[in-house]
Amino acid sequence: MTLYGFGNVSQEIKTPAITLEDIGGASGAPLRVVGNEILSGILSGIIRHTLRSGIQQWIENNTSMPESVKDLINKGLGSIR
């Protein structure tokens, strides 16, 4: 997937598989509701992955950060689902 930010700068990112289940529920739902659920699920997955990746990269590049702080941040990242 390629993300475009401000200007003509783009960044290629790899995202894990995004799984959506029970779209529309057992009795179904109108297309606009299902579309919103799908789009919301995809965007949420991309945001979570991007957030985790960006913070992990920042931690790796920050050589002056104490290991105990890195461990604490990584523990917090593990709670992002």
N, C-alpha and C. Protein backbone atom coordinates (compact mmCIF):
# COMPACT_ATOMS: atom_id res chain seq x y z
N MET A 1 0.86 -1.16 0.00
CA MET A 1 0.00 0.00 0.00
C MET A 1 0.90 1.22 0.00
N THR A 2 0.53 2.23 -0.76
CA THR A 2 1.27 3.48 -0.79
C THR A 2 0.44 4.57 -0.16
N LEU A 3 1.03 5.28 0.82
CA LEU A 3 0.35 6.39 1.46
C LEU A 3 0.96 7.69 0.95
N TYR A 4 0.12 8.65 0.67
CA TYR A 4 0.58 9.96 0.24
C TYR A 4 0.28 10.97 1.32
N GLY A 5 1.28 11.78 1.65
CA GLY A 5 1.11 12.81 2.66
C GLY A 5 1.01 14.16 2.01
N PHE A 6 1.66 15.12 2.60
CA PHE A 6 1.65 16.47 2.06
C PHE A 6 2.59 16.55 0.87
N GLY A 7 2.17 17.25 -0.15
CA GLY A 7 3.00 17.38 -1.34
C GLY A 7 3.01 16.10 -2.13
N ASN A 8 4.12 15.85 -2.80
CA ASN A 8 4.24 14.67 -3.65
C ASN A 8 5.00 13.54 -2.98
N VAL A 9 5.16 13.60 -1.67
CA VAL A 9 5.91 12.58 -0.95
C VAL A 9 5.00 11.38 -0.68
N SER A 10 5.52 10.21 -0.98
CA SER A 10 4.75 9.00 -0.70
C SER A 10 5.62 8.04 0.10
N GLN A 11 4.98 7.11 0.76
CA GLN A 11 5.70 6.11 1.54
C GLN A 11 5.00 4.78 1.36
N GLU A 12 5.78 3.78 1.02
CA GLU A 12 5.26 2.42 0.87
C GLU A 12 5.25 1.76 2.24
N ILE A 13 4.12 1.21 2.64
CA ILE A 13 4.04 0.50 3.91
C ILE A 13 3.45 -0.88 3.69
N LYS A 14 3.85 -1.81 4.53
CA LYS A 14 3.27 -3.14 4.51
C LYS A 14 2.37 -3.25 5.72
N THR A 15 1.15 -3.64 5.50
CA THR A 15 0.21 -3.79 6.60
C THR A 15 -0.12 -5.27 6.76
N PRO A 16 -0.39 -5.68 7.98
CA PRO A 16 -0.81 -7.06 8.19
C PRO A 16 -2.21 -7.25 7.62
N ALA A 17 -2.61 -8.49 7.51
CA ALA A 17 -3.97 -8.77 7.03
C ALA A 17 -4.98 -8.14 7.98
N ILE A 18 -6.00 -7.54 7.41
CA ILE A 18 -7.06 -6.94 8.21
C ILE A 18 -8.29 -7.82 8.04
N THR A 19 -8.76 -8.37 9.15
CA THR A 19 -9.89 -9.29 9.11
C THR A 19 -11.12 -8.61 9.70
N LEU A 20 -12.21 -8.65 8.96
CA LEU A 20 -13.48 -8.10 9.44
C LEU A 20 -14.47 -9.25 9.50
N GLU A 21 -15.19 -9.34 10.61
CA GLU A 21 -16.13 -10.44 10.78
C GLU A 21 -17.52 -9.92 11.09
N ASP A 22 -18.51 -10.70 10.71
CA ASP A 22 -19.90 -10.44 11.03
C ASP A 22 -20.37 -9.05 10.57
N ILE A 23 -19.95 -8.68 9.36
CA ILE A 23 -20.36 -7.40 8.80
C ILE A 23 -21.87 -7.42 8.58
N GLY A 24 -22.56 -6.48 9.15
CA GLY A 24 -24.00 -6.39 8.98
C GLY A 24 -24.81 -7.23 9.95
N GLY A 25 -24.14 -8.06 10.75
CA GLY A 25 -24.85 -8.88 11.72
C GLY A 25 -25.58 -10.05 11.08
N ALA A 26 -26.26 -10.82 11.89
CA ALA A 26 -26.94 -12.04 11.44
C ALA A 26 -28.10 -11.74 10.50
N SER A 27 -28.76 -10.60 10.69
CA SER A 27 -29.93 -10.30 9.86
C SER A 27 -29.60 -9.40 8.68
N GLY A 28 -28.32 -9.11 8.48
CA GLY A 28 -27.92 -8.27 7.35
C GLY A 28 -28.04 -6.80 7.69
N ALA A 29 -27.63 -5.96 6.75
CA ALA A 29 -27.68 -4.51 6.96
C ALA A 29 -27.68 -3.83 5.61
N PRO A 30 -28.15 -2.59 5.56
CA PRO A 30 -28.11 -1.84 4.30
C PRO A 30 -26.67 -1.65 3.82
N LEU A 31 -26.50 -1.51 2.52
CA LEU A 31 -25.18 -1.38 1.92
C LEU A 31 -24.39 -0.22 2.53
N ARG A 32 -25.04 0.91 2.81
CA ARG A 32 -24.30 2.06 3.36
C ARG A 32 -23.74 1.74 4.74
N VAL A 33 -24.45 0.95 5.53
CA VAL A 33 -23.97 0.56 6.86
C VAL A 33 -22.79 -0.40 6.72
N VAL A 34 -22.93 -1.38 5.83
CA VAL A 34 -21.86 -2.34 5.60
C VAL A 34 -20.63 -1.63 5.05
N GLY A 35 -20.82 -0.71 4.13
CA GLY A 35 -19.71 0.07 3.57
C GLY A 35 -18.98 0.85 4.65
N ASN A 36 -19.74 1.47 5.54
CA ASN A 36 -19.12 2.21 6.63
C ASN A 36 -18.33 1.29 7.55
N GLU A 37 -18.87 0.11 7.85
CA GLU A 37 -18.17 -0.84 8.72
C GLU A 37 -16.86 -1.30 8.08
N ILE A 38 -16.91 -1.59 6.78
CA ILE A 38 -15.71 -2.04 6.08
C ILE A 38 -14.65 -0.94 6.05
N LEU A 39 -15.05 0.25 5.64
CA LEU A 39 -14.11 1.35 5.56
C LEU A 39 -13.53 1.69 6.94
N SER A 40 -14.38 1.71 7.94
CA SER A 40 -13.92 1.99 9.30
C SER A 40 -12.93 0.93 9.78
N GLY A 41 -13.22 -0.32 9.51
CA GLY A 41 -12.33 -1.41 9.91
C GLY A 41 -10.98 -1.34 9.22
N ILE A 42 -10.98 -1.04 7.93
CA ILE A 42 -9.73 -0.94 7.18
C ILE A 42 -8.91 0.24 7.68
N LEU A 43 -9.54 1.41 7.81
CA LEU A 43 -8.81 2.58 8.27
C LEU A 43 -8.28 2.41 9.69
N SER A 44 -9.06 1.80 10.56
CA SER A 44 -8.61 1.56 11.93
C SER A 44 -7.39 0.65 11.94
N GLY A 45 -7.42 -0.38 11.11
CA GLY A 45 -6.28 -1.30 11.02
C GLY A 45 -5.03 -0.60 10.52
N ILE A 46 -5.17 0.24 9.51
CA ILE A 46 -4.03 0.97 8.97
C ILE A 46 -3.48 1.95 10.00
N ILE A 47 -4.35 2.65 10.70
CA ILE A 47 -3.91 3.62 11.71
C ILE A 47 -3.16 2.90 12.83
N ARG A 48 -3.71 1.79 13.32
CA ARG A 48 -3.03 1.04 14.40
C ARG A 48 -1.65 0.57 13.96
N HIS A 49 -1.57 0.00 12.75
CA HIS A 49 -0.30 -0.51 12.24
C HIS A 49 0.70 0.62 12.06
N THR A 50 0.26 1.74 11.50
CA THR A 50 1.14 2.87 11.26
C THR A 50 1.64 3.46 12.57
N LEU A 51 0.75 3.56 13.54
CA LEU A 51 1.13 4.07 14.87
C LEU A 51 2.19 3.18 15.50
N ARG A 52 1.94 1.88 15.52
CA ARG A 52 2.90 0.94 16.10
C ARG A 52 4.25 1.02 15.39
N SER A 53 4.22 0.99 14.05
CA SER A 53 5.46 1.01 13.27
C SER A 53 6.25 2.28 13.50
N GLY A 54 5.55 3.42 13.51
CA GLY A 54 6.23 4.70 13.71
C GLY A 54 6.88 4.79 15.07
N ILE A 55 6.18 4.36 16.10
CA ILE A 55 6.73 4.42 17.45
C ILE A 55 7.89 3.44 17.60
N GLN A 56 7.77 2.25 17.03
CA GLN A 56 8.86 1.28 17.11
C GLN A 56 10.11 1.81 16.41
N GLN A 57 9.92 2.45 15.27
CA GLN A 57 11.05 3.02 14.55
C GLN A 57 11.68 4.15 15.36
N TRP A 58 10.86 4.98 15.98
CA TRP A 58 11.36 6.06 16.82
C TRP A 58 12.18 5.52 17.99
N ILE A 59 11.69 4.44 18.61
CA ILE A 59 12.41 3.82 19.72
C ILE A 59 13.77 3.30 19.25
N GLU A 60 13.77 2.62 18.11
CA GLU A 60 15.02 2.06 17.58
C GLU A 60 16.04 3.15 17.26
N ASN A 61 15.58 4.28 16.78
CA ASN A 61 16.48 5.37 16.39
C ASN A 61 16.92 6.23 17.57
N ASN A 62 16.25 6.10 18.70
CA ASN A 62 16.56 6.92 19.87
C ASN A 62 17.53 6.15 20.77
N THR A 63 18.81 6.31 20.49
CA THR A 63 19.83 5.53 21.21
C THR A 63 20.06 6.01 22.64
N SER A 64 19.63 7.22 22.96
CA SER A 64 19.86 7.74 24.31
C SER A 64 18.74 7.38 25.29
N MET A 65 17.68 6.77 24.79
CA MET A 65 16.56 6.41 25.65
C MET A 65 16.92 5.20 26.51
N PRO A 66 16.69 5.28 27.81
CA PRO A 66 16.98 4.13 28.69
C PRO A 66 16.15 2.90 28.28
N GLU A 67 16.76 1.73 28.43
CA GLU A 67 16.08 0.48 28.07
C GLU A 67 14.78 0.30 28.85
N SER A 68 14.75 0.74 30.09
CA SER A 68 13.54 0.59 30.90
C SER A 68 12.37 1.38 30.29
N VAL A 69 12.67 2.54 29.72
CA VAL A 69 11.63 3.35 29.08
C VAL A 69 11.20 2.68 27.77
N LYS A 70 12.16 2.17 27.02
CA LYS A 70 11.82 1.45 25.77
C LYS A 70 10.92 0.26 26.08
N ASP A 71 11.26 -0.49 27.13
CA ASP A 71 10.46 -1.65 27.51
C ASP A 71 9.03 -1.24 27.89
N LEU A 72 8.91 -0.15 28.61
CA LEU A 72 7.60 0.35 29.02
C LEU A 72 6.76 0.76 27.81
N ILE A 73 7.38 1.46 26.86
CA ILE A 73 6.67 1.88 25.65
C ILE A 73 6.26 0.66 24.83
N ASN A 74 7.18 -0.30 24.68
CA ASN A 74 6.85 -1.52 23.93
C ASN A 74 5.72 -2.30 24.58
N LYS A 75 5.68 -2.30 25.90
CA LYS A 75 4.58 -2.97 26.60
C LYS A 75 3.26 -2.28 26.26
N GLY A 76 3.26 -0.96 26.24
CA GLY A 76 2.07 -0.21 25.86
C GLY A 76 1.65 -0.47 24.43
N LEU A 77 2.64 -0.60 23.53
CA LEU A 77 2.34 -0.90 22.12
C LEU A 77 1.66 -2.25 21.97
N GLY A 78 2.04 -3.17 22.85
CA GLY A 78 1.44 -4.50 22.80
C GLY A 78 -0.04 -4.50 23.11
N SER A 79 -0.51 -3.46 23.77
CA SER A 79 -1.94 -3.38 24.11
C SER A 79 -2.77 -2.78 22.98
N ILE A 80 -2.12 -2.23 21.96
CA ILE A 80 -2.85 -1.69 20.82
C ILE A 80 -3.28 -2.84 19.93
N ARG A 81 -4.55 -3.03 19.80
CA ARG A 81 -5.07 -4.15 19.00
C ARG A 81 -5.64 -3.67 17.69
